[in-house]
Amino acid sequence: GLWSQRFTPTTGWARAERRVAATEGFARSRPAIAIDEQGRATLAWARMDVDASGAWQSMQVLRWNGQWATTPTPVGTRQPARSLLGMPFLASGPTGDTALVWSVPEARRLRIAIADRDGTWGLDSVLNEGIDGEFGGRPGVGIDTRGAVTVAWSQASPAATIHTRRRSANGPWVADTIVTSTPTAGSVAGFDAGLAVNASG
């Protein structure tokens, strides 16, 4: 299952509590968590379910705003999954806007969904359709005070590159920017694209 434990400077660590039962879903990814300046937290993970139509991956989130929600919220479009689960990556801006980025490794897609400060998730969209399986699917994401989002990821072919993509609050995504490139394909495989965004962007 998935467990959480909350720390405050006045009371220290609270006791661990189970958020998701071990029996929920066929498999789960490792979780991601983000917290804003008001203390509101978002917990996300990928879940695999298997039914008569096949194996499916979906993103699940729980929100803490004074207390944890009791039921996970599915985010984004359910995707076919055979053996690999994409990992979630989260960032919360200072005012509570939250960006969730995840990979769909077997479809080579990188997807994103954004929630406002009240925790309402918008529709997910595809950022890139050429990631390199599980290696290119470990992005970095950041969000500033105005809600502008920046995402970075690595690709190993046709050349080893680090890409970024950005959108202003409620604006369209701009085209990919290649931050760095080397002529050797595959040389970034297995590397994460680390990223940090401050409040001013």
N, C-alpha and C. Protein backbone atom coordinates (compact mmCIF):
# COMPACT_ATOMS: atom_id res chain seq x y z
N GLY A 1 0.81 -1.20 0.00
CA GLY A 1 0.00 0.00 0.00
C GLY A 1 0.85 1.25 0.00
N LEU A 2 0.20 2.40 0.03
CA LEU A 2 0.86 3.69 0.12
C LEU A 2 0.55 4.31 1.48
N TRP A 3 1.58 4.77 2.15
CA TRP A 3 1.46 5.37 3.47
C TRP A 3 2.01 6.79 3.44
N SER A 4 1.53 7.63 4.34
CA SER A 4 2.05 8.99 4.47
C SER A 4 2.28 9.32 5.93
N GLN A 5 3.16 10.29 6.14
CA GLN A 5 3.46 10.76 7.49
C GLN A 5 3.71 12.26 7.40
N ARG A 6 3.06 13.04 8.24
CA ARG A 6 3.13 14.49 8.13
C ARG A 6 3.93 15.09 9.28
N PHE A 7 4.77 16.09 8.94
CA PHE A 7 5.62 16.77 9.92
C PHE A 7 5.21 18.23 10.04
N THR A 8 5.12 18.75 11.26
CA THR A 8 4.98 20.18 11.50
C THR A 8 6.03 20.58 12.54
N PRO A 9 6.54 21.81 12.48
CA PRO A 9 7.58 22.22 13.43
C PRO A 9 7.11 22.19 14.89
N THR A 10 5.81 22.38 15.11
CA THR A 10 5.32 22.43 16.50
C THR A 10 5.06 21.06 17.10
N THR A 11 4.64 20.11 16.27
CA THR A 11 4.28 18.79 16.80
C THR A 11 5.20 17.67 16.35
N GLY A 12 6.10 17.95 15.39
CA GLY A 12 6.99 16.91 14.89
C GLY A 12 6.25 15.96 13.95
N TRP A 13 6.74 14.73 13.87
CA TRP A 13 6.16 13.75 12.96
C TRP A 13 4.91 13.12 13.57
N ALA A 14 3.83 13.14 12.81
CA ALA A 14 2.62 12.42 13.20
C ALA A 14 2.80 10.94 12.88
N ARG A 15 1.89 10.12 13.33
CA ARG A 15 2.01 8.70 13.04
C ARG A 15 1.73 8.44 11.56
N ALA A 16 2.32 7.38 11.05
CA ALA A 16 2.10 7.00 9.66
C ALA A 16 0.67 6.49 9.47
N GLU A 17 0.08 6.85 8.33
CA GLU A 17 -1.28 6.42 8.03
C GLU A 17 -1.32 5.87 6.61
N ARG A 18 -2.11 4.83 6.43
CA ARG A 18 -2.22 4.23 5.10
C ARG A 18 -3.17 5.05 4.24
N ARG A 19 -2.71 5.44 3.08
CA ARG A 19 -3.54 6.18 2.14
C ARG A 19 -4.20 5.27 1.12
N VAL A 20 -3.48 4.21 0.68
CA VAL A 20 -4.00 3.33 -0.36
C VAL A 20 -3.75 1.89 0.07
N ALA A 21 -4.76 1.06 -0.03
CA ALA A 21 -4.63 -0.34 0.38
C ALA A 21 -3.76 -1.11 -0.60
N ALA A 22 -3.09 -2.13 -0.10
CA ALA A 22 -2.22 -2.95 -0.94
C ALA A 22 -2.99 -3.68 -2.03
N THR A 23 -4.26 -3.90 -1.81
CA THR A 23 -5.07 -4.65 -2.77
C THR A 23 -5.65 -3.77 -3.88
N GLU A 24 -5.43 -2.46 -3.82
CA GLU A 24 -6.03 -1.56 -4.80
C GLU A 24 -5.17 -1.52 -6.07
N GLY A 25 -5.72 -2.01 -7.17
CA GLY A 25 -4.98 -2.03 -8.42
C GLY A 25 -4.08 -3.24 -8.52
N PHE A 26 -3.71 -3.59 -9.77
CA PHE A 26 -2.83 -4.73 -10.02
C PHE A 26 -1.38 -4.38 -9.66
N ALA A 27 -0.98 -3.14 -9.92
CA ALA A 27 0.39 -2.68 -9.61
C ALA A 27 0.36 -1.17 -9.48
N ARG A 28 1.39 -0.62 -8.80
CA ARG A 28 1.51 0.82 -8.62
C ARG A 28 2.95 1.24 -8.85
N SER A 29 3.12 2.49 -9.30
CA SER A 29 4.46 3.08 -9.41
C SER A 29 4.88 3.61 -8.04
N ARG A 30 6.10 4.08 -7.96
CA ARG A 30 6.48 4.82 -6.76
C ARG A 30 5.72 6.15 -6.76
N PRO A 31 5.40 6.70 -5.58
CA PRO A 31 4.61 7.92 -5.52
C PRO A 31 5.47 9.18 -5.71
N ALA A 32 4.77 10.28 -5.98
CA ALA A 32 5.38 11.61 -5.98
C ALA A 32 4.50 12.50 -5.11
N ILE A 33 5.12 13.50 -4.47
CA ILE A 33 4.37 14.41 -3.60
C ILE A 33 4.90 15.82 -3.76
N ALA A 34 3.99 16.78 -3.70
CA ALA A 34 4.37 18.20 -3.77
C ALA A 34 3.52 18.97 -2.78
N ILE A 35 4.05 20.09 -2.28
CA ILE A 35 3.35 20.88 -1.27
C ILE A 35 3.57 22.36 -1.56
N ASP A 36 2.53 23.16 -1.37
CA ASP A 36 2.65 24.59 -1.64
C ASP A 36 2.93 25.38 -0.37
N GLU A 37 3.00 26.69 -0.48
CA GLU A 37 3.36 27.52 0.67
C GLU A 37 2.28 27.55 1.74
N GLN A 38 1.06 27.17 1.38
CA GLN A 38 -0.02 27.14 2.35
C GLN A 38 -0.11 25.79 3.08
N GLY A 39 0.74 24.83 2.69
CA GLY A 39 0.73 23.52 3.31
C GLY A 39 -0.18 22.51 2.64
N ARG A 40 -0.81 22.89 1.52
CA ARG A 40 -1.66 21.96 0.78
C ARG A 40 -0.77 20.99 0.00
N ALA A 41 -1.06 19.71 0.12
CA ALA A 41 -0.20 18.69 -0.48
C ALA A 41 -0.97 17.90 -1.53
N THR A 42 -0.22 17.41 -2.52
CA THR A 42 -0.78 16.53 -3.55
C THR A 42 0.10 15.30 -3.64
N LEU A 43 -0.51 14.13 -3.58
CA LEU A 43 0.17 12.85 -3.69
C LEU A 43 -0.31 12.18 -4.98
N ALA A 44 0.64 11.68 -5.79
CA ALA A 44 0.27 11.07 -7.08
C ALA A 44 1.01 9.76 -7.28
N TRP A 45 0.39 8.85 -8.01
CA TRP A 45 1.04 7.60 -8.38
C TRP A 45 0.34 7.05 -9.63
N ALA A 46 1.05 6.18 -10.34
CA ALA A 46 0.47 5.47 -11.48
C ALA A 46 -0.09 4.15 -10.99
N ARG A 47 -1.23 3.77 -11.53
CA ARG A 47 -1.90 2.53 -11.13
C ARG A 47 -2.17 1.70 -12.38
N MET A 48 -1.89 0.41 -12.28
CA MET A 48 -2.21 -0.51 -13.37
C MET A 48 -3.41 -1.37 -12.97
N ASP A 49 -4.38 -1.44 -13.85
CA ASP A 49 -5.53 -2.31 -13.66
C ASP A 49 -5.60 -3.29 -14.83
N VAL A 50 -6.00 -4.49 -14.56
CA VAL A 50 -6.14 -5.52 -15.59
C VAL A 50 -7.57 -6.01 -15.60
N ASP A 51 -8.18 -5.97 -16.80
CA ASP A 51 -9.53 -6.50 -16.94
C ASP A 51 -9.61 -7.29 -18.24
N ALA A 52 -10.79 -7.64 -18.66
CA ALA A 52 -10.96 -8.48 -19.84
C ALA A 52 -10.44 -7.81 -21.12
N SER A 53 -10.38 -6.48 -21.11
CA SER A 53 -9.92 -5.76 -22.30
C SER A 53 -8.41 -5.56 -22.33
N GLY A 54 -7.72 -5.89 -21.23
CA GLY A 54 -6.27 -5.75 -21.22
C GLY A 54 -5.77 -5.05 -19.97
N ALA A 55 -4.52 -4.58 -20.03
CA ALA A 55 -3.90 -3.87 -18.92
C ALA A 55 -3.92 -2.38 -19.20
N TRP A 56 -4.22 -1.59 -18.18
CA TRP A 56 -4.41 -0.15 -18.35
C TRP A 56 -3.67 0.61 -17.26
N GLN A 57 -3.09 1.75 -17.66
CA GLN A 57 -2.42 2.64 -16.72
C GLN A 57 -3.25 3.90 -16.53
N SER A 58 -3.39 4.33 -15.28
CA SER A 58 -4.05 5.60 -14.99
C SER A 58 -3.29 6.30 -13.88
N MET A 59 -3.37 7.63 -13.87
CA MET A 59 -2.78 8.41 -12.80
C MET A 59 -3.82 8.67 -11.72
N GLN A 60 -3.40 8.55 -10.47
CA GLN A 60 -4.29 8.76 -9.32
C GLN A 60 -3.67 9.84 -8.43
N VAL A 61 -4.51 10.70 -7.86
CA VAL A 61 -4.02 11.72 -6.95
C VAL A 61 -4.89 11.78 -5.70
N LEU A 62 -4.26 12.13 -4.59
CA LEU A 62 -4.94 12.46 -3.34
C LEU A 62 -4.46 13.84 -2.92
N ARG A 63 -5.36 14.62 -2.34
CA ARG A 63 -5.02 15.98 -1.94
C ARG A 63 -5.21 16.14 -0.43
N TRP A 64 -4.29 16.87 0.18
CA TRP A 64 -4.40 17.23 1.60
C TRP A 64 -4.63 18.73 1.71
N ASN A 65 -5.76 19.09 2.30
CA ASN A 65 -6.06 20.50 2.54
C ASN A 65 -6.74 20.60 3.90
N GLY A 66 -5.93 20.45 4.94
CA GLY A 66 -6.46 20.35 6.29
C GLY A 66 -6.65 18.91 6.71
N GLN A 67 -7.00 18.06 5.76
CA GLN A 67 -7.06 16.62 5.97
C GLN A 67 -6.97 15.95 4.59
N TRP A 68 -6.61 14.67 4.59
CA TRP A 68 -6.50 13.95 3.33
C TRP A 68 -7.89 13.61 2.78
N ALA A 69 -8.01 13.73 1.46
CA ALA A 69 -9.21 13.21 0.81
C ALA A 69 -9.27 11.70 1.03
N THR A 70 -10.45 11.16 1.07
CA THR A 70 -10.59 9.73 1.37
C THR A 70 -10.54 8.86 0.11
N THR A 71 -10.82 9.46 -1.05
CA THR A 71 -10.88 8.69 -2.29
C THR A 71 -9.94 9.30 -3.32
N PRO A 72 -9.09 8.50 -3.97
CA PRO A 72 -8.21 9.04 -5.02
C PRO A 72 -9.02 9.58 -6.20
N THR A 73 -8.46 10.59 -6.85
CA THR A 73 -9.06 11.17 -8.05
C THR A 73 -8.26 10.70 -9.26
N PRO A 74 -8.88 10.05 -10.25
CA PRO A 74 -8.14 9.72 -11.47
C PRO A 74 -7.88 10.98 -12.29
N VAL A 75 -6.67 11.09 -12.82
CA VAL A 75 -6.28 12.26 -13.60
C VAL A 75 -5.82 11.78 -14.98
N GLY A 76 -6.29 12.46 -16.00
CA GLY A 76 -5.83 12.14 -17.35
C GLY A 76 -6.57 10.98 -17.98
N THR A 77 -6.13 10.66 -19.19
CA THR A 77 -6.74 9.62 -19.99
C THR A 77 -6.12 8.27 -19.67
N ARG A 78 -6.94 7.26 -19.44
CA ARG A 78 -6.44 5.91 -19.22
C ARG A 78 -5.71 5.42 -20.46
N GLN A 79 -4.53 4.82 -20.26
CA GLN A 79 -3.68 4.41 -21.38
C GLN A 79 -3.38 2.92 -21.31
N PRO A 80 -3.26 2.23 -22.47
CA PRO A 80 -2.85 0.82 -22.45
C PRO A 80 -1.45 0.67 -21.84
N ALA A 81 -1.25 -0.40 -21.10
CA ALA A 81 0.05 -0.68 -20.49
C ALA A 81 0.28 -2.18 -20.52
N ARG A 82 1.47 -2.59 -20.97
CA ARG A 82 1.76 -4.02 -21.03
C ARG A 82 2.65 -4.45 -19.86
N SER A 83 3.77 -3.73 -19.67
CA SER A 83 4.68 -4.16 -18.60
C SER A 83 5.29 -2.99 -17.83
N LEU A 84 5.32 -1.79 -18.42
CA LEU A 84 5.98 -0.65 -17.80
C LEU A 84 4.95 0.36 -17.31
N LEU A 85 5.13 0.82 -16.08
CA LEU A 85 4.31 1.91 -15.56
C LEU A 85 5.11 3.20 -15.62
N GLY A 86 4.51 4.25 -16.13
CA GLY A 86 5.18 5.55 -16.11
C GLY A 86 5.23 6.10 -14.70
N MET A 87 6.27 6.88 -14.41
CA MET A 87 6.41 7.46 -13.08
C MET A 87 5.85 8.88 -13.07
N PRO A 88 5.13 9.25 -12.01
CA PRO A 88 4.62 10.62 -11.92
C PRO A 88 5.68 11.57 -11.38
N PHE A 89 5.64 12.81 -11.85
CA PHE A 89 6.48 13.89 -11.35
C PHE A 89 5.58 15.09 -11.09
N LEU A 90 5.71 15.68 -9.91
CA LEU A 90 4.81 16.73 -9.45
C LEU A 90 5.56 18.00 -9.10
N ALA A 91 4.90 19.13 -9.30
CA ALA A 91 5.39 20.40 -8.77
C ALA A 91 4.19 21.25 -8.39
N SER A 92 4.27 21.90 -7.25
CA SER A 92 3.25 22.86 -6.83
C SER A 92 3.87 24.25 -6.76
N GLY A 93 3.17 25.24 -7.32
CA GLY A 93 3.63 26.61 -7.23
C GLY A 93 3.33 27.19 -5.86
N PRO A 94 3.89 28.36 -5.56
CA PRO A 94 3.69 28.97 -4.24
C PRO A 94 2.23 29.19 -3.88
N THR A 95 1.37 29.45 -4.90
CA THR A 95 -0.03 29.74 -4.61
C THR A 95 -0.93 28.52 -4.75
N GLY A 96 -0.36 27.36 -5.06
CA GLY A 96 -1.14 26.13 -5.03
C GLY A 96 -1.45 25.50 -6.37
N ASP A 97 -1.14 26.17 -7.49
CA ASP A 97 -1.31 25.50 -8.78
C ASP A 97 -0.35 24.31 -8.83
N THR A 98 -0.78 23.20 -9.41
CA THR A 98 0.00 21.97 -9.40
C THR A 98 0.08 21.39 -10.80
N ALA A 99 1.26 20.94 -11.19
CA ALA A 99 1.47 20.30 -12.49
C ALA A 99 1.90 18.86 -12.25
N LEU A 100 1.26 17.94 -12.94
CA LEU A 100 1.58 16.51 -12.88
C LEU A 100 2.02 16.07 -14.27
N VAL A 101 3.25 15.55 -14.35
CA VAL A 101 3.80 15.05 -15.60
C VAL A 101 4.07 13.56 -15.44
N TRP A 102 3.76 12.78 -16.47
CA TRP A 102 4.05 11.35 -16.41
C TRP A 102 4.31 10.82 -17.82
N SER A 103 4.95 9.66 -17.85
CA SER A 103 5.24 9.03 -19.12
C SER A 103 4.28 7.88 -19.37
N VAL A 104 4.10 7.58 -20.65
CA VAL A 104 3.44 6.36 -21.08
C VAL A 104 4.50 5.60 -21.87
N PRO A 105 5.36 4.82 -21.20
CA PRO A 105 6.59 4.32 -21.83
C PRO A 105 6.37 3.56 -23.12
N GLU A 106 5.40 2.67 -23.16
CA GLU A 106 5.25 1.83 -24.35
C GLU A 106 4.63 2.58 -25.52
N ALA A 107 4.02 3.74 -25.26
CA ALA A 107 3.52 4.59 -26.34
C ALA A 107 4.51 5.72 -26.64
N ARG A 108 5.61 5.81 -25.86
CA ARG A 108 6.65 6.82 -26.02
C ARG A 108 6.08 8.23 -25.90
N ARG A 109 5.13 8.40 -25.00
CA ARG A 109 4.49 9.72 -24.84
C ARG A 109 4.76 10.28 -23.46
N LEU A 110 4.86 11.61 -23.42
CA LEU A 110 4.97 12.35 -22.17
C LEU A 110 3.70 13.19 -22.06
N ARG A 111 2.99 13.04 -20.94
CA ARG A 111 1.70 13.70 -20.77
C ARG A 111 1.74 14.62 -19.56
N ILE A 112 0.83 15.60 -19.53
CA ILE A 112 0.76 16.55 -18.42
C ILE A 112 -0.68 16.92 -18.14
N ALA A 113 -0.99 17.15 -16.87
CA ALA A 113 -2.27 17.72 -16.45
C ALA A 113 -1.97 18.76 -15.38
N ILE A 114 -2.79 19.79 -15.30
CA ILE A 114 -2.56 20.90 -14.38
C ILE A 114 -3.82 21.14 -13.55
N ALA A 115 -3.62 21.35 -12.26
CA ALA A 115 -4.73 21.64 -11.35
C ALA A 115 -4.61 23.07 -10.83
N ASP A 116 -5.74 23.72 -10.60
CA ASP A 116 -5.71 25.05 -10.00
C ASP A 116 -5.54 24.91 -8.48
N ARG A 117 -5.50 26.03 -7.80
CA ARG A 117 -5.22 26.01 -6.36
C ARG A 117 -6.32 25.34 -5.54
N ASP A 118 -7.50 25.18 -6.15
CA ASP A 118 -8.58 24.48 -5.46
C ASP A 118 -8.52 22.97 -5.68
N GLY A 119 -7.55 22.51 -6.48
CA GLY A 119 -7.40 21.08 -6.71
C GLY A 119 -8.24 20.54 -7.85
N THR A 120 -8.76 21.42 -8.71
CA THR A 120 -9.54 20.98 -9.86
C THR A 120 -8.62 20.73 -11.04
N TRP A 121 -8.62 19.50 -11.55
CA TRP A 121 -7.70 19.12 -12.63
C TRP A 121 -8.32 19.39 -13.99
N GLY A 122 -7.49 19.96 -14.87
CA GLY A 122 -7.89 20.13 -16.26
C GLY A 122 -7.62 18.87 -17.05
N LEU A 123 -7.98 18.88 -18.33
CA LEU A 123 -7.72 17.75 -19.21
C LEU A 123 -6.22 17.58 -19.41
N ASP A 124 -5.79 16.33 -19.56
CA ASP A 124 -4.37 16.09 -19.83
C ASP A 124 -4.08 16.32 -21.30
N SER A 125 -2.82 16.55 -21.61
CA SER A 125 -2.39 16.74 -23.00
C SER A 125 -1.04 16.07 -23.20
N VAL A 126 -0.68 15.83 -24.45
CA VAL A 126 0.58 15.19 -24.80
C VAL A 126 1.64 16.27 -25.02
N LEU A 127 2.74 16.16 -24.29
CA LEU A 127 3.86 17.09 -24.45
C LEU A 127 4.81 16.64 -25.54
N ASN A 128 5.01 15.33 -25.64
CA ASN A 128 6.00 14.80 -26.58
C ASN A 128 5.62 13.37 -26.93
N GLU A 129 5.86 12.99 -28.19
CA GLU A 129 5.54 11.63 -28.64
C GLU A 129 6.77 10.88 -29.10
N GLY A 130 7.94 11.25 -28.58
CA GLY A 130 9.16 10.57 -28.99
C GLY A 130 10.10 10.29 -27.84
N ILE A 131 9.57 10.10 -26.62
CA ILE A 131 10.46 9.81 -25.49
C ILE A 131 11.03 8.41 -25.63
N ASP A 132 12.11 8.16 -24.95
CA ASP A 132 12.83 6.91 -25.09
C ASP A 132 12.45 5.95 -23.98
N GLY A 133 11.24 5.41 -24.09
CA GLY A 133 10.79 4.43 -23.12
C GLY A 133 10.84 4.98 -21.70
N GLU A 134 11.28 4.16 -20.76
CA GLU A 134 11.33 4.58 -19.37
C GLU A 134 12.45 5.57 -19.11
N PHE A 135 13.46 5.64 -19.99
CA PHE A 135 14.59 6.53 -19.74
C PHE A 135 14.22 7.99 -20.00
N GLY A 136 13.58 8.26 -21.15
CA GLY A 136 13.18 9.63 -21.44
C GLY A 136 11.97 10.07 -20.67
N GLY A 137 11.36 9.12 -19.93
CA GLY A 137 10.14 9.44 -19.22
C GLY A 137 10.35 9.90 -17.80
N ARG A 138 11.55 10.43 -17.45
CA ARG A 138 11.80 10.91 -16.09
C ARG A 138 12.08 12.41 -16.16
N PRO A 139 11.05 13.21 -16.30
CA PRO A 139 11.23 14.64 -16.52
C PRO A 139 11.41 15.42 -15.24
N GLY A 140 11.73 16.69 -15.40
CA GLY A 140 11.67 17.66 -14.33
C GLY A 140 10.54 18.62 -14.63
N VAL A 141 9.87 19.13 -13.60
CA VAL A 141 8.77 20.06 -13.80
C VAL A 141 8.80 21.11 -12.72
N GLY A 142 8.45 22.34 -13.07
CA GLY A 142 8.40 23.44 -12.11
C GLY A 142 7.27 24.39 -12.47
N ILE A 143 6.76 25.11 -11.47
CA ILE A 143 5.65 26.04 -11.68
C ILE A 143 5.87 27.26 -10.80
N ASP A 144 5.64 28.45 -11.35
CA ASP A 144 5.91 29.67 -10.60
C ASP A 144 4.64 30.27 -10.01
N THR A 145 4.77 31.45 -9.39
CA THR A 145 3.65 32.08 -8.71
C THR A 145 2.49 32.40 -9.66
N ARG A 146 2.81 32.74 -10.90
CA ARG A 146 1.76 33.09 -11.86
C ARG A 146 1.10 31.87 -12.50
N GLY A 147 1.63 30.67 -12.22
CA GLY A 147 1.07 29.47 -12.80
C GLY A 147 1.73 29.04 -14.09
N ALA A 148 2.84 29.71 -14.46
CA ALA A 148 3.58 29.30 -15.65
C ALA A 148 4.33 28.00 -15.36
N VAL A 149 4.30 27.07 -16.30
CA VAL A 149 4.86 25.73 -16.11
C VAL A 149 6.02 25.50 -17.07
N THR A 150 7.09 24.91 -16.55
CA THR A 150 8.22 24.51 -17.37
C THR A 150 8.49 23.02 -17.14
N VAL A 151 8.71 22.28 -18.23
CA VAL A 151 9.00 20.85 -18.17
C VAL A 151 10.30 20.59 -18.92
N ALA A 152 11.13 19.71 -18.40
CA ALA A 152 12.37 19.31 -19.07
C ALA A 152 12.45 17.79 -19.10
N TRP A 153 13.02 17.23 -20.17
CA TRP A 153 13.20 15.79 -20.27
C TRP A 153 14.37 15.48 -21.21
N SER A 154 14.85 14.24 -21.12
CA SER A 154 15.95 13.81 -21.97
C SER A 154 15.43 12.89 -23.07
N GLN A 155 16.11 12.95 -24.22
CA GLN A 155 15.85 12.02 -25.32
C GLN A 155 17.19 11.49 -25.81
N ALA A 156 17.21 10.21 -26.17
CA ALA A 156 18.47 9.58 -26.55
C ALA A 156 18.64 9.41 -28.05
N SER A 157 17.62 9.67 -28.82
CA SER A 157 17.76 9.50 -30.26
C SER A 157 16.86 10.52 -30.97
N PRO A 158 17.24 10.96 -32.19
CA PRO A 158 18.41 10.55 -32.95
C PRO A 158 19.74 11.08 -32.41
N ALA A 159 19.69 12.06 -31.52
CA ALA A 159 20.89 12.52 -30.82
C ALA A 159 20.54 12.66 -29.36
N ALA A 160 21.55 12.68 -28.51
CA ALA A 160 21.31 12.83 -27.08
C ALA A 160 20.99 14.29 -26.78
N THR A 161 19.77 14.56 -26.34
CA THR A 161 19.33 15.94 -26.15
C THR A 161 18.56 16.09 -24.84
N ILE A 162 18.61 17.31 -24.30
CA ILE A 162 17.75 17.72 -23.19
C ILE A 162 16.78 18.76 -23.74
N HIS A 163 15.49 18.51 -23.58
CA HIS A 163 14.45 19.39 -24.11
C HIS A 163 13.73 20.11 -22.97
N THR A 164 13.23 21.30 -23.25
CA THR A 164 12.31 21.97 -22.34
C THR A 164 11.10 22.44 -23.12
N ARG A 165 10.01 22.58 -22.40
CA ARG A 165 8.81 23.13 -22.99
C ARG A 165 8.12 23.96 -21.93
N ARG A 166 7.51 25.09 -22.33
CA ARG A 166 6.98 26.05 -21.36
C ARG A 166 5.64 26.59 -21.83
N ARG A 167 4.80 26.90 -20.85
CA ARG A 167 3.56 27.62 -21.14
C ARG A 167 3.28 28.59 -20.02
N SER A 168 2.74 29.75 -20.39
CA SER A 168 2.32 30.72 -19.38
C SER A 168 1.01 30.25 -18.78
N ALA A 169 0.60 30.89 -17.69
CA ALA A 169 -0.65 30.51 -17.04
C ALA A 169 -1.80 30.63 -18.03
N ASN A 170 -2.54 29.54 -18.23
CA ASN A 170 -3.70 29.50 -19.14
C ASN A 170 -3.35 29.75 -20.59
N GLY A 171 -2.07 29.75 -20.92
CA GLY A 171 -1.66 29.99 -22.29
C GLY A 171 -1.32 28.70 -23.02
N PRO A 172 -0.98 28.79 -24.32
CA PRO A 172 -0.62 27.58 -25.07
C PRO A 172 0.82 27.15 -24.78
N TRP A 173 1.12 25.89 -25.03
CA TRP A 173 2.48 25.40 -24.92
C TRP A 173 3.30 25.90 -26.10
N VAL A 174 4.50 26.38 -25.83
CA VAL A 174 5.40 26.75 -26.92
C VAL A 174 6.12 25.49 -27.39
N ALA A 175 6.76 25.58 -28.55
CA ALA A 175 7.47 24.43 -29.10
C ALA A 175 8.66 24.05 -28.22
N ASP A 176 9.10 22.80 -28.35
CA ASP A 176 10.26 22.33 -27.60
C ASP A 176 11.47 23.23 -27.85
N THR A 177 12.26 23.41 -26.79
CA THR A 177 13.58 24.05 -26.92
C THR A 177 14.63 23.01 -26.53
N ILE A 178 15.61 22.81 -27.40
CA ILE A 178 16.72 21.90 -27.08
C ILE A 178 17.75 22.70 -26.30
N VAL A 179 17.94 22.33 -25.05
CA VAL A 179 18.86 23.04 -24.17
C VAL A 179 20.30 22.63 -24.44
N THR A 180 20.51 21.34 -24.64
CA THR A 180 21.85 20.84 -24.93
C THR A 180 21.74 19.61 -25.81
N SER A 181 22.79 19.35 -26.60
CA SER A 181 22.77 18.23 -27.52
C SER A 181 24.18 17.70 -27.71
N THR A 182 24.31 16.38 -27.83
CA THR A 182 25.58 15.75 -28.17
C THR A 182 25.35 14.83 -29.35
N PRO A 183 26.35 14.55 -30.15
CA PRO A 183 26.15 13.75 -31.37
C PRO A 183 25.98 12.27 -31.11
N THR A 184 26.17 11.80 -29.87
CA THR A 184 26.14 10.37 -29.59
C THR A 184 24.77 9.96 -29.11
N ALA A 185 24.04 9.28 -29.96
CA ALA A 185 22.72 8.80 -29.57
C ALA A 185 22.83 7.82 -28.42
N GLY A 186 21.91 7.96 -27.47
CA GLY A 186 21.89 7.03 -26.35
C GLY A 186 22.73 7.45 -25.17
N SER A 187 23.52 8.53 -25.29
CA SER A 187 24.42 8.87 -24.19
C SER A 187 23.71 9.47 -22.99
N VAL A 188 22.43 9.88 -23.15
CA VAL A 188 21.68 10.40 -22.00
C VAL A 188 20.71 9.37 -21.44
N ALA A 189 20.69 8.18 -22.02
CA ALA A 189 19.75 7.17 -21.54
C ALA A 189 20.01 6.88 -20.07
N GLY A 190 18.96 6.94 -19.30
CA GLY A 190 19.09 6.67 -17.87
C GLY A 190 19.35 7.90 -17.04
N PHE A 191 19.49 9.08 -17.65
CA PHE A 191 19.72 10.30 -16.90
C PHE A 191 18.42 11.06 -16.73
N ASP A 192 18.24 11.63 -15.56
CA ASP A 192 17.08 12.47 -15.32
C ASP A 192 17.35 13.89 -15.78
N ALA A 193 16.29 14.59 -16.14
CA ALA A 193 16.40 16.00 -16.47
C ALA A 193 16.02 16.80 -15.24
N GLY A 194 17.00 17.16 -14.43
CA GLY A 194 16.73 17.93 -13.22
C GLY A 194 16.34 19.35 -13.56
N LEU A 195 15.39 19.91 -12.81
CA LEU A 195 14.87 21.24 -13.10
C LEU A 195 14.41 21.89 -11.82
N ALA A 196 14.65 23.20 -11.69
CA ALA A 196 14.13 23.98 -10.57
C ALA A 196 13.59 25.30 -11.10
N VAL A 197 12.44 25.73 -10.60
CA VAL A 197 11.81 26.99 -10.99
C VAL A 197 11.51 27.78 -9.73
N ASN A 198 11.94 29.06 -9.68
CA ASN A 198 11.63 29.86 -8.51
C ASN A 198 10.30 30.59 -8.70
N ALA A 199 9.91 31.36 -7.69
CA ALA A 199 8.58 31.97 -7.68
C ALA A 199 8.36 32.92 -8.87
N SER A 200 9.42 33.60 -9.32
CA SER A 200 9.29 34.56 -10.41
C SER A 200 9.43 33.91 -11.77
N GLY A 201 9.74 32.62 -11.83
CA GLY A 201 9.80 31.91 -13.10
C GLY A 201 11.18 31.80 -13.68
